[in-house]
């Protein structure tokens, strides 16, 4: 009987340690967080580029063109 309980205790300890190691494993965390940062940077960069293009095409360039035409007219 003692041999049986020792085997159960050993197996339970093994499973408990295996679970602890799995929960404390952070090997893939670095790659996932870096990928998310890169995706966020690309999306924000694209939005900023689109906003600047819209501002320049709709307000700045027509205003500059108007001022230059008024100087030479």
N, C-alpha and C. Protein backbone atom coordinates (compact mmCIF):
# COMPACT_ATOMS: atom_id res chain seq x y z
N UNK A 1 0.82 -1.20 0.00
CA UNK A 1 0.00 0.00 0.00
C UNK A 1 0.87 1.26 0.00
N UNK A 2 1.94 1.22 0.74
CA UNK A 2 2.82 2.38 0.82
C UNK A 2 3.46 2.68 -0.55
N UNK A 3 3.80 1.64 -1.28
CA UNK A 3 4.39 1.80 -2.60
C UNK A 3 3.40 2.50 -3.54
N UNK A 4 2.14 2.15 -3.43
CA UNK A 4 1.09 2.73 -4.27
C UNK A 4 0.93 4.22 -3.98
N UNK A 5 0.87 4.60 -2.71
CA UNK A 5 0.71 6.02 -2.35
C UNK A 5 1.95 6.83 -2.73
N UNK A 6 3.11 6.22 -2.63
CA UNK A 6 4.34 6.91 -3.04
C UNK A 6 4.34 7.17 -4.53
N UNK A 7 3.88 6.20 -5.32
CA UNK A 7 3.80 6.38 -6.76
C UNK A 7 2.81 7.48 -7.13
N UNK A 8 1.68 7.52 -6.45
CA UNK A 8 0.67 8.55 -6.71
C UNK A 8 1.23 9.92 -6.32
N UNK A 9 1.90 10.00 -5.16
CA UNK A 9 2.49 11.24 -4.70
C UNK A 9 3.55 11.74 -5.69
N UNK A 10 4.39 10.82 -6.18
CA UNK A 10 5.44 11.18 -7.14
C UNK A 10 4.84 11.67 -8.45
N UNK A 11 3.82 10.98 -8.92
CA UNK A 11 3.16 11.37 -10.17
C UNK A 11 2.47 12.74 -10.02
N UNK A 12 1.83 12.98 -8.89
CA UNK A 12 1.17 14.26 -8.64
C UNK A 12 2.21 15.38 -8.57
N UNK A 13 3.32 15.12 -7.93
CA UNK A 13 4.40 16.11 -7.86
C UNK A 13 4.95 16.42 -9.24
N UNK A 14 5.12 15.40 -10.05
CA UNK A 14 5.62 15.57 -11.42
C UNK A 14 4.66 16.44 -12.23
N UNK A 15 3.37 16.15 -12.15
CA UNK A 15 2.38 16.93 -12.88
C UNK A 15 2.31 18.37 -12.38
N UNK A 16 2.45 18.56 -11.08
CA UNK A 16 2.44 19.89 -10.50
C UNK A 16 3.65 20.70 -10.99
N UNK A 17 4.81 20.07 -10.99
CA UNK A 17 6.02 20.76 -11.48
C UNK A 17 5.93 21.05 -12.98
N UNK A 18 5.35 20.12 -13.72
CA UNK A 18 5.16 20.33 -15.15
C UNK A 18 4.25 21.53 -15.42
N UNK A 19 3.19 21.64 -14.65
CA UNK A 19 2.28 22.79 -14.76
C UNK A 19 2.96 24.09 -14.39
N UNK A 20 3.75 24.08 -13.35
CA UNK A 20 4.49 25.29 -12.94
C UNK A 20 5.45 25.73 -14.03
N UNK A 21 6.15 24.79 -14.63
CA UNK A 21 7.09 25.14 -15.69
C UNK A 21 6.36 25.69 -16.92
N UNK A 22 5.22 25.12 -17.23
CA UNK A 22 4.45 25.60 -18.38
C UNK A 22 3.93 27.01 -18.15
N UNK A 23 3.52 27.31 -16.92
CA UNK A 23 3.00 28.64 -16.62
C UNK A 23 4.10 29.69 -16.54
N UNK A 24 5.29 29.29 -16.15
CA UNK A 24 6.38 30.26 -16.03
C UNK A 24 7.18 30.40 -17.31
N UNK A 25 6.86 29.63 -18.33
CA UNK A 25 7.57 29.68 -19.60
C UNK A 25 7.20 30.95 -20.34
N UNK A 26 8.20 31.76 -20.69
CA UNK A 26 7.95 33.02 -21.39
C UNK A 26 8.79 33.12 -22.66
N UNK A 27 9.11 32.02 -23.25
CA UNK A 27 9.98 32.04 -24.43
C UNK A 27 9.32 32.73 -25.62
N UNK A 28 8.05 32.48 -25.89
CA UNK A 28 7.39 33.04 -27.06
C UNK A 28 6.83 34.43 -26.83
N UNK A 29 6.82 34.88 -25.59
CA UNK A 29 6.24 36.17 -25.25
C UNK A 29 6.97 37.31 -25.94
N UNK A 30 8.26 37.24 -26.04
CA UNK A 30 9.07 38.29 -26.65
C UNK A 30 8.72 38.48 -28.12
N UNK A 31 8.58 37.40 -28.84
CA UNK A 31 8.30 37.48 -30.27
C UNK A 31 6.90 38.00 -30.55
N UNK A 32 5.95 37.60 -29.74
CA UNK A 32 4.57 38.05 -29.93
C UNK A 32 4.46 39.55 -29.66
N UNK A 33 5.06 40.02 -28.58
CA UNK A 33 4.96 41.44 -28.26
C UNK A 33 5.70 42.29 -29.29
N UNK A 34 6.81 41.79 -29.80
CA UNK A 34 7.52 42.52 -30.85
C UNK A 34 6.70 42.59 -32.13
N UNK A 35 6.04 41.51 -32.48
CA UNK A 35 5.22 41.50 -33.69
C UNK A 35 4.06 42.49 -33.55
N UNK A 36 3.46 42.54 -32.39
CA UNK A 36 2.35 43.48 -32.16
C UNK A 36 2.85 44.91 -32.25
N UNK A 37 4.03 45.18 -31.70
CA UNK A 37 4.59 46.54 -31.78
C UNK A 37 4.87 46.94 -33.22
N UNK A 38 5.39 46.01 -34.01
CA UNK A 38 5.68 46.31 -35.41
C UNK A 38 4.39 46.58 -36.19
N UNK A 39 3.38 45.78 -35.95
CA UNK A 39 2.10 45.98 -36.64
C UNK A 39 1.50 47.33 -36.27
N UNK A 40 1.54 47.69 -35.00
CA UNK A 40 1.00 48.99 -34.56
C UNK A 40 1.78 50.13 -35.20
N UNK A 41 3.10 50.01 -35.26
CA UNK A 41 3.93 51.06 -35.87
C UNK A 41 3.62 51.22 -37.35
N UNK A 42 3.43 50.12 -38.06
CA UNK A 42 3.12 50.19 -39.49
C UNK A 42 1.75 50.84 -39.72
N UNK A 43 0.77 50.46 -38.93
CA UNK A 43 -0.57 51.03 -39.09
C UNK A 43 -0.57 52.52 -38.76
N UNK A 44 0.10 52.90 -37.66
CA UNK A 44 0.15 54.32 -37.31
C UNK A 44 0.92 55.13 -38.36
N UNK A 45 1.98 54.56 -38.91
CA UNK A 45 2.73 55.23 -39.96
C UNK A 45 1.89 55.44 -41.20
N UNK A 46 1.13 54.43 -41.58
CA UNK A 46 0.26 54.56 -42.76
C UNK A 46 -0.83 55.61 -42.54
N UNK A 47 -1.39 55.63 -41.34
CA UNK A 47 -2.41 56.65 -41.04
C UNK A 47 -1.82 58.05 -41.06
N UNK A 48 -0.63 58.21 -40.51
CA UNK A 48 0.03 59.51 -40.51
C UNK A 48 0.36 59.96 -41.92
N UNK A 49 0.86 59.06 -42.74
CA UNK A 49 1.17 59.39 -44.13
C UNK A 49 -0.09 59.78 -44.90
N UNK A 50 -1.18 59.05 -44.69
CA UNK A 50 -2.44 59.38 -45.36
C UNK A 50 -2.96 60.74 -44.91
N UNK A 51 -2.85 61.03 -43.63
CA UNK A 51 -3.32 62.32 -43.12
C UNK A 51 -2.49 63.46 -43.68
N UNK A 52 -1.18 63.31 -43.71
CA UNK A 52 -0.32 64.37 -44.26
C UNK A 52 -0.57 64.58 -45.75
N UNK A 53 -0.75 63.49 -46.48
CA UNK A 53 -1.04 63.61 -47.91
C UNK A 53 -2.36 64.34 -48.13
N UNK A 54 -3.36 64.02 -47.35
CA UNK A 54 -4.66 64.68 -47.46
C UNK A 54 -4.55 66.17 -47.15
N UNK A 55 -3.82 66.50 -46.09
CA UNK A 55 -3.66 67.91 -45.71
C UNK A 55 -2.93 68.67 -46.81
N UNK A 56 -1.82 68.12 -47.30
CA UNK A 56 -1.05 68.82 -48.32
C UNK A 56 -1.83 68.97 -49.62
N UNK A 57 -2.51 67.92 -50.04
CA UNK A 57 -3.22 67.99 -51.32
C UNK A 57 -4.45 68.89 -51.27
N UNK A 58 -5.10 68.98 -50.14
CA UNK A 58 -6.35 69.74 -50.06
C UNK A 58 -6.17 71.18 -49.59
N UNK A 59 -5.18 71.48 -48.80
CA UNK A 59 -5.06 72.83 -48.24
C UNK A 59 -3.75 73.52 -48.58
N UNK A 60 -2.65 72.86 -48.38
CA UNK A 60 -1.35 73.53 -48.51
C UNK A 60 -1.01 73.84 -49.96
N UNK A 61 -1.07 72.84 -50.82
CA UNK A 61 -0.67 73.03 -52.22
C UNK A 61 -1.59 74.00 -52.95
N UNK A 62 -2.93 73.92 -52.79
CA UNK A 62 -3.77 74.94 -53.45
C UNK A 62 -3.51 76.35 -52.93
N UNK A 63 -3.22 76.44 -51.64
CA UNK A 63 -2.94 77.77 -51.07
C UNK A 63 -1.63 78.33 -51.63
N UNK A 64 -0.60 77.49 -51.73
CA UNK A 64 0.68 77.93 -52.30
C UNK A 64 0.50 78.33 -53.76
N UNK A 65 -0.24 77.53 -54.50
CA UNK A 65 -0.50 77.83 -55.91
C UNK A 65 -1.24 79.16 -56.04
N UNK A 66 -2.21 79.39 -55.20
CA UNK A 66 -2.97 80.65 -55.23
C UNK A 66 -2.08 81.84 -54.92
N UNK A 67 -1.22 81.70 -53.95
CA UNK A 67 -0.32 82.81 -53.57
C UNK A 67 0.68 83.11 -54.70
N UNK A 68 1.21 82.06 -55.33
CA UNK A 68 2.16 82.26 -56.42
C UNK A 68 1.47 82.92 -57.62
N UNK A 69 0.26 82.51 -57.93
CA UNK A 69 -0.49 83.12 -59.05
C UNK A 69 -0.82 84.56 -58.76
N UNK A 70 -1.10 84.87 -57.49
CA UNK A 70 -1.41 86.27 -57.15
C UNK A 70 -0.16 87.16 -57.23
N UNK A 71 1.01 86.58 -57.02
CA UNK A 71 2.24 87.35 -57.13
C UNK A 71 2.55 87.72 -58.58
N UNK A 72 2.27 86.81 -59.49
CA UNK A 72 2.63 87.04 -60.89
C UNK A 72 1.47 87.53 -61.74
N UNK A 73 0.31 87.72 -61.18
CA UNK A 73 -0.83 88.19 -61.97
C UNK A 73 -0.99 89.68 -61.93
